[in-house]
Amino acid sequence: MPAAPDVPAHELTEDKVLRIKYADRWTIAWKCVLDDNNNVTDLLPARNGLPDGDQAPYTTYPLASFPSLLGQTGSAPLSDVAADAVRAFHARQLERAGDDIQALERRGVLRGVVVSSHRTEVVCDVESGEERPIAALTFNGQDWRGSLENLDHARRLPLTRESALQAARLPAPTADEWLSKARHALTDGRERRKALCRAFADKHVVAEVDTDDFARCHVLLRRRVDRTLISCLLRVEFSADFPARPPTLYLREYGGKKDHRLDPSLYRYSPRWDVERMSQELRDHAYGMVVATLCQPAGTLNTF
């Protein structure tokens, strides 16, 4: 259930504008019409320092939103009108976000709703399970934005955590769509990296793989040049936005200590490829760069 409206701080400016403050921000303003006793008899829209398109949600409240002005006298003290304004503001925000909140409640993930400052705030579970991340979502009247908490499991997996935090920064038109992106980032990125590592292992010799976050894997490459066999390690290193961006490739002579980064602009790569083609294209590119990358003018490095 939504929290009860907080008692607003309010003031009447010199030009008779009622301003309401909560969460340390002046968020709503109306031009007041006062009687001889300095009671409010009517309210007119006043600019809030917002862009023109954002004025309406904050200023176009019907007179019925202010019960204190509907009495026999048709006027009310400023404090009563300010309290009505807060209730009206909360009701408007909940009305605009109501469908999304009800959808979360039906799915059993809603933890609580609070209307404060200039937005509706929702706390909910991102997904079911023992280690459930929590989302703190805010609705500003147009879209949902949020943050993720309780990422203890993802904290052990740096790329998974980074993917989730990147997804959390993106707005979405509905709360369900925002949560879907967050769930996708928490699970899908790791599964895609894992699939590509597995594709390398199916056709090539994988010397080492990160089996926690699947952030990298090492593939053994051997290339014969004349009578010399060049052996090296190809390191495939992922970023959080894989597969939108290709992994970074490094070559190192077998037993050596220096990594040679290959230029990603020279890869043949598409995020639409399946992992089998990705692994083959990346391996073939690295194989073709072995001589140019690891061979010195005097001969080849570390052969056997």
Protein backbone atom coordinates (compact mmCIF):
# COMPACT_ATOMS: atom_id res chain seq x y z
CA MET A 1 0.00 0.00 0.00
CA PRO A 2 1.22 3.54 -0.68
CA ALA A 3 2.63 5.43 2.25
CA ALA A 4 0.53 8.14 3.83
CA PRO A 5 1.25 11.65 2.55
CA ASP A 6 3.92 13.40 4.54
CA VAL A 7 3.20 16.77 6.12
CA PRO A 8 4.37 19.27 3.53
CA ALA A 9 6.55 22.27 4.08
CA HIS A 10 4.94 25.14 2.23
CA GLU A 11 5.29 28.84 1.72
CA LEU A 12 3.47 31.71 0.06
CA THR A 13 5.85 33.84 -1.98
CA GLU A 14 5.59 37.58 -2.40
CA ASP A 15 3.80 37.15 -5.71
CA LYS A 16 1.19 34.91 -4.03
CA VAL A 17 2.50 31.57 -5.33
CA LEU A 18 1.94 28.55 -3.08
CA ARG A 19 4.99 26.30 -3.14
CA ILE A 20 5.09 22.86 -1.56
CA LYS A 21 8.35 21.28 -0.47
CA TYR A 22 9.20 17.75 0.44
CA ALA A 23 12.34 15.64 0.03
CA ASP A 24 14.19 18.98 0.14
CA ARG A 25 12.76 20.08 -3.21
CA TRP A 26 10.12 22.58 -4.22
CA THR A 27 8.03 20.41 -6.49
CA ILE A 28 4.53 21.88 -6.93
CA ALA A 29 3.39 25.48 -7.26
CA TRP A 30 0.07 27.27 -7.71
CA LYS A 31 -0.87 30.91 -7.97
CA CYS A 32 -3.20 31.66 -5.06
CA VAL A 33 -6.23 33.92 -5.01
CA LEU A 34 -6.65 35.22 -1.43
CA ASP A 35 -9.55 36.84 0.39
CA ASP A 36 -9.30 39.64 2.96
CA ASN A 37 -8.42 37.11 5.67
CA ASN A 38 -5.56 35.69 3.60
CA ASN A 39 -7.45 32.46 3.09
CA VAL A 40 -7.20 30.76 -0.31
CA THR A 41 -10.30 31.03 -2.48
CA ASP A 42 -8.91 29.66 -5.78
CA LEU A 43 -5.77 28.25 -7.36
CA LEU A 44 -4.35 29.01 -10.79
CA PRO A 45 -1.54 27.16 -12.62
CA ALA A 46 1.90 28.59 -11.97
CA ARG A 47 5.15 27.77 -13.76
CA ASN A 48 7.35 25.35 -11.89
CA GLY A 49 10.58 25.93 -13.75
CA LEU A 50 9.81 22.88 -15.86
CA PRO A 51 9.79 22.59 -19.67
CA ASP A 52 6.45 23.59 -21.19
CA GLY A 53 5.50 20.01 -21.96
CA ASP A 54 5.95 19.03 -18.31
CA GLN A 55 3.72 21.70 -16.82
CA ALA A 56 0.36 19.96 -17.17
CA PRO A 57 0.88 16.97 -14.81
CA TYR A 58 1.84 19.38 -12.02
CA THR A 59 -0.69 22.16 -12.50
CA THR A 60 -3.94 20.92 -14.06
CA TYR A 61 -5.74 19.60 -11.00
CA PRO A 62 -9.55 20.03 -10.85
CA LEU A 63 -11.05 22.00 -7.99
CA ALA A 64 -12.42 18.72 -6.61
CA SER A 65 -8.84 17.82 -5.75
CA PHE A 66 -9.01 20.45 -3.00
CA PRO A 67 -11.86 19.52 -0.63
CA SER A 68 -10.94 22.35 1.70
CA LEU A 69 -12.05 24.85 -0.97
CA LEU A 70 -15.43 23.18 -1.49
CA GLY A 71 -16.94 24.13 1.88
CA GLN A 72 -19.67 26.66 2.47
CA THR A 73 -17.24 29.56 2.66
CA GLY A 74 -15.39 28.56 -0.52
CA SER A 75 -12.09 29.38 1.13
CA ALA A 76 -9.55 27.66 3.38
CA PRO A 77 -6.33 28.35 5.26
CA LEU A 78 -3.16 27.96 3.28
CA SER A 79 -2.05 24.92 5.35
CA ASP A 80 -5.27 23.01 4.53
CA VAL A 81 -4.92 23.76 0.83
CA ALA A 82 -1.28 22.66 0.90
CA ALA A 83 -2.29 19.31 2.48
CA ASP A 84 -4.92 18.86 -0.24
CA ALA A 85 -2.30 19.59 -2.87
CA VAL A 86 -0.04 16.84 -1.57
CA ARG A 87 -2.88 14.30 -1.56
CA ALA A 88 -3.90 15.33 -5.08
CA PHE A 89 -0.32 15.06 -6.29
CA HIS A 90 0.03 11.57 -4.79
CA ALA A 91 -3.25 10.44 -6.32
CA ARG A 92 -2.23 11.75 -9.75
CA GLN A 93 1.10 9.96 -9.64
CA LEU A 94 -0.47 6.70 -8.50
CA GLU A 95 -3.10 6.96 -11.22
CA ARG A 96 -0.45 7.35 -13.92
CA ALA A 97 1.62 4.44 -12.59
CA GLY A 98 -1.32 2.34 -11.37
CA ASP A 99 -1.40 -0.28 -14.14
CA ASP A 100 2.29 -1.03 -13.74
CA ILE A 101 2.01 -1.27 -9.95
CA GLN A 102 -0.96 -3.64 -10.20
CA ALA A 103 0.95 -5.82 -12.69
CA LEU A 104 3.85 -6.13 -10.24
CA GLU A 105 1.44 -6.97 -7.43
CA ARG A 106 -0.25 -9.70 -9.51
CA ARG A 107 3.14 -11.28 -10.20
CA GLY A 108 3.91 -11.31 -6.49
CA VAL A 109 7.12 -9.26 -6.71
CA LEU A 110 5.87 -5.94 -5.30
CA ARG A 111 7.35 -5.04 -1.91
CA GLY A 112 6.09 -1.49 -1.45
CA VAL A 113 5.08 1.82 -3.02
CA VAL A 114 5.93 5.29 -1.76
CA VAL A 115 4.98 8.59 -3.38
CA SER A 116 7.36 11.35 -2.42
CA SER A 117 9.10 14.33 -3.94
CA HIS A 118 8.12 14.48 -7.63
CA ARG A 119 7.88 10.76 -8.40
CA THR A 120 6.36 7.42 -7.52
CA GLU A 121 8.84 4.99 -5.97
CA VAL A 122 8.40 1.21 -6.15
CA VAL A 123 10.47 -1.48 -4.48
CA CYS A 124 10.15 -4.98 -5.92
CA ASP A 125 11.98 -8.25 -6.51
CA VAL A 126 13.69 -8.57 -9.89
CA GLU A 127 13.27 -12.33 -10.11
CA SER A 128 12.36 -15.31 -7.98
CA GLY A 129 14.94 -17.44 -6.23
CA GLU A 130 16.94 -17.60 -3.05
CA GLU A 131 19.33 -14.79 -3.97
CA ARG A 132 16.83 -12.28 -5.27
CA PRO A 133 18.07 -8.87 -6.40
CA ILE A 134 15.85 -5.97 -5.39
CA ALA A 135 14.90 -3.13 -7.72
CA ALA A 136 14.15 0.42 -6.58
CA LEU A 137 12.13 1.95 -9.42
CA THR A 138 10.93 5.53 -9.86
CA PHE A 139 8.23 6.82 -12.18
CA ASN A 140 8.44 10.43 -13.29
CA GLY A 141 5.15 10.50 -15.19
CA GLN A 142 6.68 9.29 -18.46
CA ASP A 143 9.12 6.44 -17.90
CA TRP A 144 10.62 4.21 -15.26
CA ARG A 145 14.19 4.37 -14.04
CA GLY A 146 15.79 2.36 -11.31
CA SER A 147 18.70 0.81 -9.51
CA LEU A 148 19.55 -2.70 -8.36
CA GLU A 149 20.34 -3.73 -4.81
CA ASN A 150 21.23 -6.99 -3.07
CA LEU A 151 23.55 -8.08 -5.89
CA ASP A 152 25.62 -10.34 -3.61
CA HIS A 153 25.73 -13.17 -6.14
CA ALA A 154 26.50 -10.89 -9.08
CA ARG A 155 29.17 -9.09 -7.05
CA ARG A 156 31.35 -12.19 -7.34
CA LEU A 157 30.93 -12.04 -11.11
CA PRO A 158 32.26 -8.67 -12.31
CA LEU A 159 30.97 -8.79 -15.89
CA THR A 160 27.54 -10.00 -14.83
CA ARG A 161 27.33 -7.23 -12.25
CA GLU A 162 28.51 -4.60 -14.75
CA SER A 163 25.95 -5.77 -17.31
CA ALA A 164 23.17 -5.55 -14.74
CA LEU A 165 24.17 -2.07 -13.58
CA GLN A 166 24.38 -0.84 -17.18
CA ALA A 167 20.90 -2.17 -17.89
CA ALA A 168 19.57 -0.58 -14.69
CA ARG A 169 20.58 2.89 -15.88
CA LEU A 170 18.36 2.68 -18.97
CA PRO A 171 14.77 4.01 -18.79
CA ALA A 172 11.79 1.94 -19.92
CA PRO A 173 8.16 2.84 -20.66
CA THR A 174 6.81 0.22 -18.23
CA ALA A 175 8.10 -1.25 -14.99
CA ASP A 176 7.77 -4.77 -16.40
CA GLU A 177 9.97 -3.90 -19.37
CA TRP A 178 12.60 -2.39 -17.06
CA LEU A 179 12.61 -5.54 -14.93
CA SER A 180 12.84 -7.70 -18.02
CA LYS A 181 15.99 -5.86 -19.12
CA ALA A 182 17.50 -6.25 -15.66
CA ARG A 183 16.75 -9.99 -15.54
CA HIS A 184 18.16 -10.41 -19.03
CA ALA A 185 21.40 -8.66 -18.05
CA LEU A 186 21.77 -10.80 -14.92
CA THR A 187 21.52 -14.11 -16.77
CA ASP A 188 21.73 -13.79 -20.54
CA GLY A 189 25.14 -12.09 -20.80
CA ARG A 190 26.87 -14.81 -18.81
CA GLU A 191 25.12 -17.54 -20.80
CA ARG A 192 26.21 -15.99 -24.12
CA ARG A 193 29.82 -15.78 -22.98
CA LYS A 194 29.65 -19.35 -21.72
CA ALA A 195 28.26 -20.51 -25.08
CA LEU A 196 31.13 -18.93 -27.02
CA CYS A 197 33.73 -20.44 -24.67
CA ARG A 198 32.09 -23.81 -25.21
CA ALA A 199 32.16 -23.31 -28.99
CA PHE A 200 35.93 -22.71 -28.82
CA ALA A 201 36.33 -25.89 -26.76
CA ASP A 202 34.28 -27.97 -29.20
CA LYS A 203 36.63 -27.36 -32.16
CA HIS A 204 39.90 -26.14 -30.69
CA VAL A 205 42.21 -26.76 -27.76
CA VAL A 206 41.17 -24.56 -24.80
CA ALA A 207 44.00 -24.29 -22.29
CA GLU A 208 42.10 -22.32 -19.65
CA VAL A 209 38.65 -20.81 -19.11
CA ASP A 210 37.06 -18.65 -16.43
CA THR A 211 34.20 -20.90 -15.31
CA ASP A 212 32.71 -18.38 -12.87
CA ASP A 213 31.87 -15.32 -14.95
CA PHE A 214 33.20 -16.60 -18.32
CA ALA A 215 35.10 -13.34 -18.67
CA ARG A 216 37.94 -14.93 -20.68
CA CYS A 217 39.28 -18.11 -22.17
CA HIS A 218 42.68 -19.17 -23.57
CA VAL A 219 42.93 -21.12 -26.82
CA LEU A 220 46.12 -22.89 -27.94
CA LEU A 221 47.20 -22.01 -31.48
CA ARG A 222 49.91 -23.73 -33.52
CA ARG A 223 51.04 -22.56 -36.91
CA ARG A 224 53.78 -24.04 -39.07
CA VAL A 225 55.94 -21.57 -41.00
CA ASP A 226 58.44 -23.32 -43.28
CA ARG A 227 59.98 -25.90 -40.95
CA THR A 228 59.15 -24.07 -37.73
CA LEU A 229 56.11 -24.70 -35.54
CA ILE A 230 54.93 -21.57 -33.77
CA SER A 231 52.95 -22.21 -30.58
CA CYS A 232 51.05 -19.43 -28.81
CA LEU A 233 48.04 -18.69 -26.65
CA LEU A 234 45.06 -16.75 -27.90
CA ARG A 235 43.30 -14.95 -25.03
CA VAL A 236 39.68 -14.11 -25.70
CA GLU A 237 38.49 -11.44 -23.26
CA PHE A 238 34.90 -10.25 -23.00
CA SER A 239 33.38 -6.93 -22.02
CA ALA A 240 30.01 -6.47 -20.35
CA ASP A 241 28.32 -5.45 -23.61
CA PHE A 242 29.13 -8.66 -25.49
CA PRO A 243 27.80 -9.64 -28.05
CA ALA A 244 27.07 -6.06 -29.15
CA ARG A 245 30.85 -5.57 -29.16
CA PRO A 246 33.27 -8.36 -30.06
CA PRO A 247 35.64 -9.82 -27.47
CA THR A 248 39.17 -8.48 -27.40
CA LEU A 249 41.86 -10.84 -28.70
CA TYR A 250 45.42 -11.10 -27.41
CA LEU A 251 48.30 -13.28 -28.64
CA ARG A 252 51.14 -14.41 -26.41
CA GLU A 253 54.08 -16.61 -27.28
CA TYR A 254 53.86 -19.94 -25.51
CA GLY A 255 55.67 -19.55 -22.19
CA GLY A 256 56.10 -15.81 -22.72
CA LYS A 257 54.89 -12.93 -20.58
CA LYS A 258 53.93 -10.24 -23.09
CA ASP A 259 50.42 -9.97 -24.55
CA HIS A 260 49.90 -8.51 -28.02
CA ARG A 261 46.46 -6.98 -28.47
CA LEU A 262 44.89 -7.47 -31.89
CA ASP A 263 43.02 -4.60 -33.52
CA PRO A 264 39.22 -5.21 -33.20
CA SER A 265 38.56 -3.09 -36.29
CA LEU A 266 40.19 -5.84 -38.38
CA TYR A 267 37.95 -8.64 -37.10
CA ARG A 268 35.27 -10.25 -39.19
CA TYR A 269 32.46 -10.13 -36.66
CA SER A 270 28.71 -9.66 -36.32
CA PRO A 271 26.63 -9.86 -33.13
CA ARG A 272 23.97 -11.69 -35.18
CA TRP A 273 26.22 -14.70 -35.84
CA ASP A 274 25.79 -17.87 -33.85
CA VAL A 275 28.60 -18.77 -31.45
CA GLU A 276 29.97 -21.45 -33.79
CA ARG A 277 30.66 -18.92 -36.50
CA MET A 278 31.92 -16.33 -34.01
CA SER A 279 34.46 -18.75 -32.57
CA GLN A 280 35.67 -19.85 -36.00
CA GLU A 281 36.00 -16.32 -37.41
CA LEU A 282 37.83 -15.04 -34.31
CA ARG A 283 40.14 -18.03 -34.20
CA ASP A 284 40.90 -17.74 -37.95
CA HIS A 285 41.68 -14.03 -37.59
CA ALA A 286 44.07 -14.66 -34.71
CA TYR A 287 45.67 -17.58 -36.61
CA GLY A 288 46.29 -15.31 -39.58
CA MET A 289 47.94 -12.70 -37.32
CA VAL A 290 50.38 -15.07 -35.59
CA VAL A 291 53.34 -14.48 -37.90
CA ALA A 292 52.89 -10.71 -38.18
CA THR A 293 52.39 -10.36 -34.42
CA LEU A 294 54.90 -12.79 -32.89
CA CYS A 295 57.73 -13.10 -35.42
CA GLN A 296 60.80 -10.86 -35.10
CA PRO A 297 62.96 -10.00 -38.13
CA ALA A 298 65.59 -12.49 -36.97
CA GLY A 299 63.16 -15.42 -36.88
CA THR A 300 60.31 -16.80 -34.84
CA LEU A 301 59.74 -16.70 -31.12
CA ASN A 302 59.75 -19.66 -28.77
CA THR A 303 59.17 -22.57 -31.13
CA PHE A 304 59.19 -26.28 -30.46
